[in-house]
């Protein structure tokens, strides 16, 4: 059995401005840095014994991965499969702009349809599957008992829906705030137990 801690990156400038990041990137906010410190403090006080951190190579996740690897005193590996869903032509646009010009697309993308593919992007279903495949392959090739993966908000919703319900249909209910984490036991390519969207360590932060 492999215990997996799934962490979302901390708050970025584009998160605050409501801009769609996808596989583009933006810098962490001051609050994002404080979120990271709060998360590290929570893990330092925990019983988790992480043996390796795997992080999406995008800047915002890689920074979190570096901090977590230092915290757990373990190795850090870049893993392209953990990247956010590619939003194609929508990357760099605000959700307000999208709602104004493509209201049906926004609802499909963020609420209703995991098979919806943004122009020149990829569907949430496909993006989720690359992470699930990564976990399944890792389980078969590693002796690690506890790992940490650092990924992104939207694709994490898809992963959590699959793990919790066996289907991606209700992905929109699995909110995963910045610098929150989920914990699950992965055994024989299946999820045994799942706690998701843990964010109690962030309650003391003020914007």
N, C-alpha and C. Protein backbone atom coordinates (compact mmCIF):
# COMPACT_ATOMS: atom_id res chain seq x y z
N UNK A 1 0.84 -1.20 0.00
CA UNK A 1 0.00 0.00 0.00
C UNK A 1 0.87 1.25 0.00
N UNK A 2 0.47 2.24 -0.77
CA UNK A 2 1.22 3.50 -0.86
C UNK A 2 0.32 4.65 -0.41
N UNK A 3 0.80 5.39 0.60
CA UNK A 3 0.07 6.59 1.03
C UNK A 3 0.50 7.75 0.15
N UNK A 4 -0.49 8.52 -0.35
CA UNK A 4 -0.22 9.64 -1.24
C UNK A 4 -0.78 10.91 -0.62
N UNK A 5 0.06 11.94 -0.53
CA UNK A 5 -0.39 13.26 -0.10
C UNK A 5 -0.39 14.15 -1.35
N UNK A 6 -1.57 14.60 -1.73
CA UNK A 6 -1.74 15.45 -2.92
C UNK A 6 -1.85 16.90 -2.48
N UNK A 7 -0.89 17.72 -2.90
CA UNK A 7 -0.84 19.13 -2.50
C UNK A 7 -1.11 20.02 -3.71
N UNK A 8 -1.90 21.06 -3.51
CA UNK A 8 -2.05 22.08 -4.55
C UNK A 8 -1.08 23.23 -4.27
N UNK A 9 -0.56 23.83 -5.32
CA UNK A 9 0.35 24.98 -5.17
C UNK A 9 -0.33 26.13 -4.42
N UNK A 10 0.48 27.05 -3.92
CA UNK A 10 -0.02 28.21 -3.19
C UNK A 10 -0.58 29.27 -4.16
N UNK A 11 -1.19 30.28 -3.58
CA UNK A 11 -1.87 31.32 -4.37
C UNK A 11 -0.89 32.10 -5.26
N UNK A 12 -1.32 32.33 -6.52
CA UNK A 12 -0.53 33.12 -7.47
C UNK A 12 -1.24 34.42 -7.82
N UNK A 13 -0.51 35.29 -8.51
CA UNK A 13 -1.10 36.56 -8.96
C UNK A 13 -2.31 36.32 -9.86
N UNK A 14 -2.21 35.33 -10.73
CA UNK A 14 -3.33 35.06 -11.64
C UNK A 14 -4.52 34.46 -10.91
N UNK A 15 -4.26 33.69 -9.85
CA UNK A 15 -5.37 33.20 -9.03
C UNK A 15 -6.19 34.37 -8.49
N UNK A 16 -5.49 35.36 -7.96
CA UNK A 16 -6.15 36.52 -7.36
C UNK A 16 -6.95 37.30 -8.41
N UNK A 17 -6.39 37.42 -9.60
CA UNK A 17 -7.03 38.20 -10.66
C UNK A 17 -8.06 37.39 -11.45
N UNK A 18 -8.21 36.12 -11.12
CA UNK A 18 -9.19 35.30 -11.83
C UNK A 18 -8.78 34.99 -13.25
N UNK A 19 -7.48 34.89 -13.49
CA UNK A 19 -6.96 34.59 -14.83
C UNK A 19 -6.68 33.09 -14.94
N UNK A 20 -7.06 32.50 -16.06
CA UNK A 20 -6.88 31.07 -16.26
C UNK A 20 -5.41 30.77 -16.56
N UNK A 21 -4.79 29.93 -15.73
CA UNK A 21 -3.36 29.66 -15.86
C UNK A 21 -3.09 28.44 -16.73
N UNK A 22 -3.71 27.32 -16.40
CA UNK A 22 -3.43 26.10 -17.15
C UNK A 22 -1.96 25.77 -17.10
N UNK A 23 -1.35 25.60 -18.26
CA UNK A 23 0.07 25.28 -18.33
C UNK A 23 0.94 26.52 -18.54
N UNK A 24 0.31 27.71 -18.47
CA UNK A 24 1.06 28.95 -18.35
C UNK A 24 1.37 29.14 -16.86
N UNK A 25 2.01 30.25 -16.50
CA UNK A 25 2.43 30.40 -15.11
C UNK A 25 2.37 31.84 -14.67
N UNK A 26 2.32 32.05 -13.35
CA UNK A 26 2.45 33.39 -12.78
C UNK A 26 3.09 33.26 -11.40
N UNK A 27 3.54 34.37 -10.86
CA UNK A 27 4.30 34.34 -9.61
C UNK A 27 3.39 34.20 -8.40
N UNK A 28 3.96 33.69 -7.30
CA UNK A 28 3.23 33.59 -6.05
C UNK A 28 2.98 34.97 -5.46
N UNK A 29 1.85 35.12 -4.78
CA UNK A 29 1.57 36.34 -4.04
C UNK A 29 2.26 36.26 -2.68
N UNK A 30 2.23 37.39 -1.96
CA UNK A 30 2.75 37.38 -0.59
C UNK A 30 1.93 36.41 0.25
N UNK A 31 0.62 36.42 0.05
CA UNK A 31 -0.23 35.47 0.78
C UNK A 31 0.13 34.03 0.41
N UNK A 32 0.45 33.79 -0.86
CA UNK A 32 0.84 32.45 -1.28
C UNK A 32 2.07 31.96 -0.53
N UNK A 33 3.02 32.85 -0.31
CA UNK A 33 4.22 32.47 0.44
C UNK A 33 3.88 32.15 1.89
N UNK A 34 2.94 32.90 2.47
CA UNK A 34 2.50 32.63 3.84
C UNK A 34 1.72 31.32 3.90
N UNK A 35 0.95 31.03 2.86
CA UNK A 35 0.25 29.75 2.80
C UNK A 35 1.24 28.59 2.81
N UNK A 36 2.31 28.75 2.03
CA UNK A 36 3.34 27.70 1.98
C UNK A 36 3.94 27.48 3.36
N UNK A 37 4.26 28.57 4.06
CA UNK A 37 4.85 28.46 5.40
C UNK A 37 3.89 27.75 6.36
N UNK A 38 2.60 28.07 6.26
CA UNK A 38 1.60 27.44 7.13
C UNK A 38 1.49 25.94 6.84
N UNK A 39 1.54 25.58 5.56
CA UNK A 39 1.48 24.17 5.18
C UNK A 39 2.70 23.42 5.70
N UNK A 40 3.87 24.01 5.53
CA UNK A 40 5.11 23.37 5.99
C UNK A 40 5.08 23.16 7.51
N UNK A 41 4.55 24.14 8.23
CA UNK A 41 4.46 24.02 9.69
C UNK A 41 3.53 22.87 10.07
N UNK A 42 2.43 22.74 9.33
CA UNK A 42 1.49 21.65 9.61
C UNK A 42 2.13 20.29 9.35
N UNK A 43 2.87 20.17 8.27
CA UNK A 43 3.52 18.90 7.98
C UNK A 43 4.66 18.60 8.96
N UNK A 44 5.37 19.66 9.37
CA UNK A 44 6.47 19.47 10.33
C UNK A 44 5.94 18.91 11.66
N UNK A 45 4.70 19.28 11.99
CA UNK A 45 4.09 18.82 13.24
C UNK A 45 3.33 17.50 13.08
N UNK A 46 3.33 16.96 11.86
CA UNK A 46 2.56 15.75 11.58
C UNK A 46 3.41 14.49 11.71
N UNK A 47 2.76 13.35 11.53
CA UNK A 47 3.47 12.06 11.58
C UNK A 47 3.82 11.53 10.19
N UNK A 48 3.56 12.32 9.15
CA UNK A 48 3.83 11.85 7.79
C UNK A 48 5.33 11.69 7.57
N UNK A 49 5.70 10.58 6.96
CA UNK A 49 7.10 10.30 6.66
C UNK A 49 7.25 10.16 5.14
N UNK A 50 7.22 11.27 4.47
CA UNK A 50 7.28 11.27 3.01
C UNK A 50 8.68 10.90 2.54
N UNK A 51 8.76 9.98 1.58
CA UNK A 51 10.05 9.49 1.09
C UNK A 51 10.47 10.13 -0.23
N UNK A 52 9.52 10.70 -0.97
CA UNK A 52 9.85 11.38 -2.21
C UNK A 52 8.73 12.34 -2.57
N UNK A 53 9.08 13.51 -3.10
CA UNK A 53 8.11 14.48 -3.59
C UNK A 53 8.18 14.51 -5.12
N UNK A 54 7.04 14.36 -5.76
CA UNK A 54 6.93 14.48 -7.21
C UNK A 54 6.12 15.74 -7.50
N UNK A 55 6.66 16.63 -8.33
CA UNK A 55 5.99 17.90 -8.58
C UNK A 55 5.85 18.18 -10.07
N UNK A 56 4.73 18.77 -10.43
CA UNK A 56 4.60 19.35 -11.76
C UNK A 56 5.75 20.34 -11.97
N UNK A 57 6.36 20.37 -13.16
CA UNK A 57 7.51 21.25 -13.38
C UNK A 57 7.17 22.72 -13.58
N UNK A 58 5.88 23.08 -13.61
CA UNK A 58 5.52 24.49 -13.73
C UNK A 58 5.99 25.25 -12.48
N UNK A 59 6.31 26.52 -12.65
CA UNK A 59 6.97 27.28 -11.59
C UNK A 59 6.27 27.25 -10.25
N UNK A 60 4.96 27.43 -10.25
CA UNK A 60 4.21 27.55 -9.00
C UNK A 60 4.18 26.23 -8.23
N UNK A 61 4.17 25.11 -8.94
CA UNK A 61 4.18 23.81 -8.28
C UNK A 61 5.60 23.39 -7.92
N UNK A 62 6.55 23.73 -8.76
CA UNK A 62 7.94 23.37 -8.50
C UNK A 62 8.45 24.05 -7.23
N UNK A 63 8.06 25.32 -7.03
CA UNK A 63 8.45 26.04 -5.81
C UNK A 63 7.91 25.31 -4.58
N UNK A 64 6.64 24.91 -4.64
CA UNK A 64 6.05 24.19 -3.52
C UNK A 64 6.78 22.85 -3.33
N UNK A 65 7.09 22.17 -4.43
CA UNK A 65 7.80 20.91 -4.34
C UNK A 65 9.16 21.06 -3.66
N UNK A 66 9.87 22.11 -3.99
CA UNK A 66 11.18 22.35 -3.37
C UNK A 66 11.04 22.54 -1.86
N UNK A 67 10.04 23.32 -1.47
CA UNK A 67 9.81 23.58 -0.04
C UNK A 67 9.44 22.29 0.70
N UNK A 68 8.58 21.48 0.08
CA UNK A 68 8.15 20.23 0.72
C UNK A 68 9.29 19.23 0.82
N UNK A 69 10.12 19.15 -0.23
CA UNK A 69 11.26 18.22 -0.19
C UNK A 69 12.23 18.60 0.92
N UNK A 70 12.42 19.90 1.13
CA UNK A 70 13.26 20.37 2.24
C UNK A 70 12.64 20.00 3.58
N UNK A 71 11.32 20.21 3.67
CA UNK A 71 10.60 19.92 4.92
C UNK A 71 10.70 18.45 5.28
N UNK A 72 10.50 17.58 4.30
CA UNK A 72 10.51 16.14 4.54
C UNK A 72 11.91 15.53 4.43
N UNK A 73 12.88 16.36 4.01
CA UNK A 73 14.27 15.90 3.85
C UNK A 73 14.33 14.68 2.93
N UNK A 74 13.72 14.86 1.76
CA UNK A 74 13.68 13.76 0.80
C UNK A 74 13.96 14.29 -0.60
N UNK A 75 13.99 13.40 -1.57
CA UNK A 75 14.29 13.79 -2.94
C UNK A 75 13.08 14.44 -3.60
N UNK A 76 13.34 15.20 -4.66
CA UNK A 76 12.30 15.90 -5.43
C UNK A 76 12.46 15.52 -6.90
N UNK A 77 11.35 15.11 -7.51
CA UNK A 77 11.36 14.69 -8.91
C UNK A 77 10.35 15.52 -9.70
N UNK A 78 10.79 16.02 -10.85
CA UNK A 78 9.86 16.72 -11.75
C UNK A 78 9.04 15.68 -12.52
N UNK A 79 7.73 15.88 -12.57
CA UNK A 79 6.87 14.91 -13.24
C UNK A 79 5.86 15.64 -14.14
N UNK A 80 6.11 15.67 -15.47
CA UNK A 80 5.22 16.38 -16.40
C UNK A 80 3.76 15.90 -16.35
N UNK A 81 3.52 14.65 -15.97
CA UNK A 81 2.15 14.13 -15.91
C UNK A 81 1.30 14.86 -14.88
N UNK A 82 1.95 15.57 -13.95
CA UNK A 82 1.22 16.26 -12.89
C UNK A 82 0.85 17.70 -13.26
N UNK A 83 1.14 18.12 -14.49
CA UNK A 83 0.79 19.47 -14.92
C UNK A 83 -0.72 19.69 -14.91
N UNK A 84 -1.11 20.96 -14.84
CA UNK A 84 -2.52 21.33 -14.92
C UNK A 84 -3.07 20.96 -16.29
N UNK A 85 -4.38 20.81 -16.35
CA UNK A 85 -5.06 20.67 -17.64
C UNK A 85 -4.64 21.81 -18.57
N UNK A 86 -4.38 21.51 -19.82
CA UNK A 86 -4.06 22.55 -20.80
C UNK A 86 -5.36 23.20 -21.26
N UNK A 87 -5.48 24.52 -21.03
CA UNK A 87 -6.68 25.25 -21.40
C UNK A 87 -6.57 25.93 -22.77
N UNK A 88 -5.47 25.68 -23.47
CA UNK A 88 -5.34 26.14 -24.84
C UNK A 88 -5.51 27.65 -25.00
N UNK A 89 -6.41 28.03 -25.88
CA UNK A 89 -6.61 29.46 -26.20
C UNK A 89 -7.16 30.26 -25.02
N UNK A 90 -7.69 29.58 -24.02
CA UNK A 90 -8.27 30.28 -22.87
C UNK A 90 -7.21 30.71 -21.85
N UNK A 91 -6.01 30.19 -21.95
CA UNK A 91 -4.98 30.54 -20.97
C UNK A 91 -4.61 32.02 -21.11
N UNK A 92 -4.53 32.69 -19.97
CA UNK A 92 -4.24 34.12 -19.96
C UNK A 92 -5.48 34.99 -20.01
N UNK A 93 -6.65 34.38 -20.22
CA UNK A 93 -7.91 35.13 -20.20
C UNK A 93 -8.52 35.05 -18.81
N UNK A 94 -9.27 36.07 -18.43
CA UNK A 94 -9.95 36.04 -17.14
C UNK A 94 -11.24 35.24 -17.27
N UNK A 95 -11.69 34.69 -16.15
CA UNK A 95 -12.96 33.95 -16.17
C UNK A 95 -14.11 34.91 -16.49
N UNK A 96 -13.98 36.19 -16.12
CA UNK A 96 -15.02 37.17 -16.44
C UNK A 96 -15.12 37.36 -17.95
N UNK A 97 -13.97 37.45 -18.63
CA UNK A 97 -13.96 37.56 -20.09
C UNK A 97 -14.60 36.33 -20.73
N UNK A 98 -14.25 35.16 -20.21
CA UNK A 98 -14.80 33.93 -20.77
C UNK A 98 -16.30 33.86 -20.58
N UNK A 99 -16.76 34.24 -19.40
CA UNK A 99 -18.20 34.22 -19.14
C UNK A 99 -18.95 35.15 -20.09
N UNK A 100 -18.31 36.28 -20.41
CA UNK A 100 -18.94 37.25 -21.30
C UNK A 100 -19.01 36.72 -22.73
N UNK A 101 -17.93 36.10 -23.18
CA UNK A 101 -17.84 35.74 -24.60
C UNK A 101 -18.16 34.25 -24.86
N UNK A 102 -17.90 33.40 -23.87
CA UNK A 102 -18.11 31.95 -24.08
C UNK A 102 -18.81 31.33 -22.86
N UNK A 103 -20.00 31.81 -22.51
CA UNK A 103 -20.65 31.32 -21.28
C UNK A 103 -20.88 29.82 -21.26
N UNK A 104 -21.27 29.23 -22.37
CA UNK A 104 -21.51 27.79 -22.41
C UNK A 104 -20.22 27.00 -22.21
N UNK A 105 -19.13 27.52 -22.80
CA UNK A 105 -17.84 26.84 -22.68
C UNK A 105 -17.35 26.86 -21.23
N UNK A 106 -17.56 27.99 -20.55
CA UNK A 106 -17.09 28.09 -19.16
C UNK A 106 -17.82 27.10 -18.27
N UNK A 107 -19.12 27.02 -18.43
CA UNK A 107 -19.90 26.08 -17.62
C UNK A 107 -19.49 24.64 -17.90
N UNK A 108 -19.27 24.32 -19.17
CA UNK A 108 -18.83 22.97 -19.52
C UNK A 108 -17.47 22.68 -18.91
N UNK A 109 -16.56 23.65 -19.02
CA UNK A 109 -15.18 23.47 -18.59
C UNK A 109 -15.06 23.30 -17.08
N UNK A 110 -15.73 24.15 -16.32
CA UNK A 110 -15.51 24.19 -14.88
C UNK A 110 -16.59 23.52 -14.04
N UNK A 111 -17.71 23.16 -14.66
CA UNK A 111 -18.81 22.62 -13.84
C UNK A 111 -19.43 21.33 -14.35
N UNK A 112 -19.56 21.19 -15.67
CA UNK A 112 -20.49 20.19 -16.18
C UNK A 112 -19.90 19.02 -16.94
N UNK A 113 -18.84 19.26 -17.72
CA UNK A 113 -18.46 18.26 -18.72
C UNK A 113 -16.96 18.01 -18.74
N UNK A 114 -16.54 16.91 -18.12
CA UNK A 114 -15.11 16.57 -18.07
C UNK A 114 -14.55 16.20 -19.43
N UNK A 115 -15.43 15.93 -20.40
CA UNK A 115 -14.98 15.58 -21.75
C UNK A 115 -14.81 16.81 -22.63
N UNK A 116 -15.26 17.97 -22.14
CA UNK A 116 -15.14 19.21 -22.94
C UNK A 116 -13.66 19.56 -23.14
N UNK A 117 -13.30 19.87 -24.37
CA UNK A 117 -11.90 20.20 -24.68
C UNK A 117 -11.82 21.66 -25.14
N UNK A 118 -11.11 22.52 -24.40
CA UNK A 118 -10.94 23.91 -24.83
C UNK A 118 -10.19 23.96 -26.17
N UNK A 119 -10.39 25.00 -26.96
CA UNK A 119 -9.67 25.12 -28.24
C UNK A 119 -8.15 25.00 -28.04
N UNK A 120 -7.53 24.06 -28.73
CA UNK A 120 -6.10 23.80 -28.66
C UNK A 120 -5.63 23.34 -27.28
N UNK A 121 -6.57 22.86 -26.46
CA UNK A 121 -6.22 22.37 -25.12
C UNK A 121 -6.48 20.89 -25.00
N UNK A 122 -6.79 20.45 -23.78
CA UNK A 122 -7.11 19.05 -23.53
C UNK A 122 -8.30 18.99 -22.57
N UNK A 123 -9.00 17.90 -22.58
CA UNK A 123 -10.14 17.73 -21.68
C UNK A 123 -9.67 17.42 -20.27
N UNK A 124 -10.52 17.70 -19.29
CA UNK A 124 -10.21 17.35 -17.91
C UNK A 124 -10.08 15.84 -17.77
N UNK A 125 -10.88 15.11 -18.50
CA UNK A 125 -10.83 13.65 -18.45
C UNK A 125 -9.45 13.13 -18.85
N UNK A 126 -8.90 13.66 -19.93
CA UNK A 126 -7.57 13.23 -20.37
C UNK A 126 -6.48 13.66 -19.39
N UNK A 127 -6.59 14.90 -18.89
CA UNK A 127 -5.58 15.41 -17.96
C UNK A 127 -5.59 14.59 -16.67
N UNK A 128 -6.79 14.24 -16.21
CA UNK A 128 -6.92 13.42 -15.00
C UNK A 128 -6.31 12.05 -15.21
N UNK A 129 -6.55 11.47 -16.38
CA UNK A 129 -6.08 10.12 -16.63
C UNK A 129 -4.55 10.03 -16.62
N UNK A 130 -3.87 11.10 -17.04
CA UNK A 130 -2.40 11.02 -17.02
C UNK A 130 -1.87 10.98 -15.59
N UNK A 131 -2.59 11.63 -14.66
CA UNK A 131 -2.16 11.57 -13.26
C UNK A 131 -2.47 10.21 -12.65
N UNK A 132 -3.67 9.70 -12.93
CA UNK A 132 -4.03 8.37 -12.43
C UNK A 132 -3.06 7.32 -12.98
N UNK A 133 -2.72 7.42 -14.26
CA UNK A 133 -1.77 6.48 -14.87
C UNK A 133 -0.40 6.58 -14.22
N UNK A 134 0.02 7.82 -13.93
CA UNK A 134 1.30 8.02 -13.23
C UNK A 134 1.30 7.31 -11.89
N UNK A 135 0.21 7.46 -11.12
CA UNK A 135 0.12 6.83 -9.80
C UNK A 135 0.12 5.30 -9.92
N UNK A 136 -0.62 4.79 -10.89
CA UNK A 136 -0.67 3.35 -11.08
C UNK A 136 0.70 2.79 -11.46
N UNK A 137 1.40 3.48 -12.34
CA UNK A 137 2.74 3.05 -12.75
C UNK A 137 3.72 3.15 -11.59
N UNK A 138 3.60 4.23 -10.82
CA UNK A 138 4.50 4.42 -9.68
C UNK A 138 4.32 3.33 -8.64
N UNK A 139 3.08 2.96 -8.41
CA UNK A 139 2.81 1.92 -7.42
C UNK A 139 3.48 0.60 -7.81
N UNK A 140 3.57 0.37 -9.12
CA UNK A 140 4.17 -0.87 -9.59
C UNK A 140 5.68 -0.84 -9.67
N UNK A 141 6.28 0.35 -9.54
CA UNK A 141 7.73 0.46 -9.75
C UNK A 141 8.50 1.00 -8.56
N UNK A 142 7.82 1.48 -7.52
CA UNK A 142 8.53 2.07 -6.39
C UNK A 142 8.29 1.28 -5.13
N UNK A 143 9.24 1.36 -4.20
CA UNK A 143 9.07 0.73 -2.89
C UNK A 143 8.67 1.75 -1.83
N UNK A 144 8.47 3.00 -2.25
CA UNK A 144 8.09 4.04 -1.30
C UNK A 144 6.73 3.74 -0.67
N UNK A 145 6.65 3.94 0.63
CA UNK A 145 5.39 3.72 1.34
C UNK A 145 4.56 5.00 1.44
N UNK A 146 5.23 6.15 1.35
CA UNK A 146 4.52 7.43 1.48
C UNK A 146 5.18 8.44 0.55
N UNK A 147 4.39 9.00 -0.37
CA UNK A 147 4.91 10.00 -1.30
C UNK A 147 4.03 11.25 -1.25
N UNK A 148 4.56 12.33 -1.78
CA UNK A 148 3.81 13.57 -1.91
C UNK A 148 3.82 13.97 -3.38
N UNK A 149 2.67 14.36 -3.92
CA UNK A 149 2.63 14.88 -5.28
C UNK A 149 2.08 16.30 -5.24
N UNK A 150 2.68 17.18 -6.02
CA UNK A 150 2.29 18.59 -6.05
C UNK A 150 1.71 18.89 -7.42
N UNK A 151 0.44 19.29 -7.44
CA UNK A 151 -0.23 19.51 -8.71
C UNK A 151 -1.09 20.77 -8.65
N UNK A 152 -2.18 20.78 -9.40
CA UNK A 152 -2.94 22.00 -9.66
C UNK A 152 -4.42 21.82 -9.34
N UNK A 153 -5.12 22.93 -9.23
CA UNK A 153 -6.49 22.93 -8.74
C UNK A 153 -7.49 22.15 -9.55
N UNK A 154 -7.58 22.45 -10.85
CA UNK A 154 -8.65 21.85 -11.65
C UNK A 154 -8.43 20.36 -11.84
N UNK A 155 -7.22 19.99 -12.19
CA UNK A 155 -6.95 18.58 -12.45
C UNK A 155 -7.05 17.77 -11.14
N UNK A 156 -6.76 18.39 -10.01
CA UNK A 156 -6.92 17.69 -8.73
C UNK A 156 -8.38 17.34 -8.47
N UNK A 157 -9.29 18.22 -8.91
CA UNK A 157 -10.71 17.92 -8.76
C UNK A 157 -11.09 16.65 -9.52
N UNK A 158 -10.57 16.51 -10.72
CA UNK A 158 -10.83 15.31 -11.50
C UNK A 158 -10.27 14.07 -10.83
N UNK A 159 -9.05 14.16 -10.32
CA UNK A 159 -8.42 13.02 -9.66
C UNK A 159 -9.22 12.61 -8.42
N UNK A 160 -9.62 13.58 -7.62
CA UNK A 160 -10.36 13.28 -6.40
C UNK A 160 -11.72 12.66 -6.70
N UNK A 161 -12.38 13.14 -7.74
CA UNK A 161 -13.67 12.57 -8.13
C UNK A 161 -13.51 11.10 -8.51
N UNK A 162 -12.48 10.81 -9.30
CA UNK A 162 -12.23 9.42 -9.72
C UNK A 162 -11.94 8.54 -8.50
N UNK A 163 -11.09 9.03 -7.60
CA UNK A 163 -10.71 8.24 -6.44
C UNK A 163 -11.89 8.01 -5.49
N UNK A 164 -12.72 9.04 -5.34
CA UNK A 164 -13.83 8.97 -4.37
C UNK A 164 -15.04 8.23 -4.94
N UNK A 165 -15.36 8.49 -6.20
CA UNK A 165 -16.61 7.98 -6.76
C UNK A 165 -16.43 6.96 -7.88
N UNK A 166 -15.20 6.84 -8.38
CA UNK A 166 -14.99 5.93 -9.50
C UNK A 166 -15.39 6.50 -10.84
N UNK A 167 -15.87 7.74 -10.83
CA UNK A 167 -16.25 8.45 -12.06
C UNK A 167 -15.91 9.92 -11.89
N UNK A 168 -15.65 10.57 -12.99
CA UNK A 168 -15.22 11.97 -12.95
C UNK A 168 -16.41 12.95 -13.00
N UNK A 169 -17.62 12.43 -13.17
CA UNK A 169 -18.79 13.27 -13.46
C UNK A 169 -18.98 14.42 -12.48
N UNK A 170 -18.76 14.19 -11.19
CA UNK A 170 -19.02 15.21 -10.18
C UNK A 170 -17.77 15.97 -9.76
N UNK A 171 -16.85 16.16 -10.69
CA UNK A 171 -15.56 16.80 -10.36
C UNK A 171 -15.71 18.15 -9.70
N UNK A 172 -16.74 18.90 -10.05
CA UNK A 172 -16.86 20.29 -9.57
C UNK A 172 -17.10 20.38 -8.07
N UNK A 173 -17.50 19.28 -7.43
CA UNK A 173 -17.76 19.34 -5.99
C UNK A 173 -16.49 19.17 -5.16
N UNK A 174 -15.38 18.79 -5.82
CA UNK A 174 -14.16 18.48 -5.07
C UNK A 174 -13.19 19.67 -5.08
N UNK A 175 -13.61 20.74 -4.44
CA UNK A 175 -12.77 21.94 -4.36
C UNK A 175 -11.46 21.63 -3.66
N UNK A 176 -10.38 22.22 -4.18
CA UNK A 176 -9.05 21.97 -3.61
C UNK A 176 -8.34 23.32 -3.52
N UNK A 177 -8.53 24.06 -2.41
CA UNK A 177 -7.99 25.43 -2.30
C UNK A 177 -6.47 25.48 -2.43
N UNK A 178 -5.95 26.65 -2.72
CA UNK A 178 -4.50 26.84 -2.76
C UNK A 178 -3.86 26.38 -1.46
N UNK A 179 -2.77 25.63 -1.59
CA UNK A 179 -1.97 25.16 -0.44
C UNK A 179 -2.75 24.23 0.50
N UNK A 180 -3.85 23.67 0.01
CA UNK A 180 -4.53 22.61 0.76
C UNK A 180 -3.97 21.26 0.31
N UNK A 181 -4.37 20.20 1.01
CA UNK A 181 -3.88 18.88 0.62
C UNK A 181 -4.94 17.82 0.86
N UNK A 182 -4.76 16.70 0.19
CA UNK A 182 -5.61 15.53 0.37
C UNK A 182 -4.70 14.34 0.65
N UNK A 183 -5.22 13.35 1.35
CA UNK A 183 -4.44 12.17 1.70
C UNK A 183 -5.24 10.93 1.32
N UNK A 184 -4.60 10.02 0.62
CA UNK A 184 -5.30 8.78 0.30
C UNK A 184 -4.33 7.60 0.27
N UNK A 185 -4.89 6.43 0.54
CA UNK A 185 -4.13 5.18 0.47
C UNK A 185 -4.42 4.52 -0.86
N UNK A 186 -3.37 4.21 -1.58
CA UNK A 186 -3.48 3.65 -2.92
C UNK A 186 -3.00 2.21 -2.88
N UNK A 187 -3.89 1.27 -3.18
CA UNK A 187 -3.54 -0.15 -3.10
C UNK A 187 -4.15 -0.90 -4.29
N UNK A 188 -3.31 -1.64 -4.99
CA UNK A 188 -3.78 -2.44 -6.13
C UNK A 188 -4.55 -1.58 -7.13
N UNK A 189 -4.00 -0.37 -7.40
CA UNK A 189 -4.55 0.59 -8.36
C UNK A 189 -5.92 1.12 -7.94
N UNK A 190 -6.22 1.03 -6.65
CA UNK A 190 -7.49 1.57 -6.16
C UNK A 190 -7.25 2.40 -4.91
N UNK A 191 -8.20 3.30 -4.64
CA UNK A 191 -8.11 4.17 -3.48
C UNK A 191 -8.87 3.53 -2.31
N UNK A 192 -8.19 3.37 -1.18
CA UNK A 192 -8.81 2.73 -0.03
C UNK A 192 -9.54 3.75 0.85
N UNK A 193 -8.86 4.84 1.15
CA UNK A 193 -9.44 5.88 2.02
C UNK A 193 -9.02 7.24 1.48
N UNK A 194 -9.85 8.23 1.70
CA UNK A 194 -9.55 9.55 1.14
C UNK A 194 -10.04 10.66 2.06
N UNK A 195 -9.14 11.56 2.40
CA UNK A 195 -9.51 12.83 3.06
C UNK A 195 -9.08 13.93 2.09
N UNK A 196 -10.00 14.80 1.72
CA UNK A 196 -9.64 15.75 0.67
C UNK A 196 -9.88 17.20 1.08
N UNK A 197 -9.12 18.10 0.43
CA UNK A 197 -9.28 19.53 0.62
C UNK A 197 -8.98 20.01 2.03
N UNK A 198 -7.99 19.40 2.68
CA UNK A 198 -7.65 19.78 4.06
C UNK A 198 -6.98 21.15 4.06
N UNK A 199 -7.59 22.09 4.80
CA UNK A 199 -7.08 23.47 4.76
C UNK A 199 -7.12 24.14 6.13
N UNK A 200 -7.23 23.36 7.19
CA UNK A 200 -7.33 23.93 8.54
C UNK A 200 -6.09 24.75 8.90
N UNK A 201 -4.94 24.38 8.33
CA UNK A 201 -3.70 25.11 8.61
C UNK A 201 -3.72 26.53 8.05
N UNK A 202 -4.68 26.83 7.19
CA UNK A 202 -4.75 28.15 6.55
C UNK A 202 -5.72 29.09 7.25
N UNK A 203 -6.44 28.60 8.26
CA UNK A 203 -7.50 29.39 8.88
C UNK A 203 -6.98 30.67 9.55
N UNK A 204 -5.74 30.62 10.04
CA UNK A 204 -5.22 31.79 10.76
C UNK A 204 -4.71 32.89 9.82
N UNK A 205 -4.64 32.60 8.53
CA UNK A 205 -4.13 33.61 7.60
C UNK A 205 -5.19 34.65 7.27
N UNK A 206 -4.75 35.88 7.17
CA UNK A 206 -5.64 36.96 6.75
C UNK A 206 -5.08 37.60 5.50
N UNK A 207 -5.96 37.95 4.60
CA UNK A 207 -5.50 38.56 3.35
C UNK A 207 -4.93 39.95 3.63
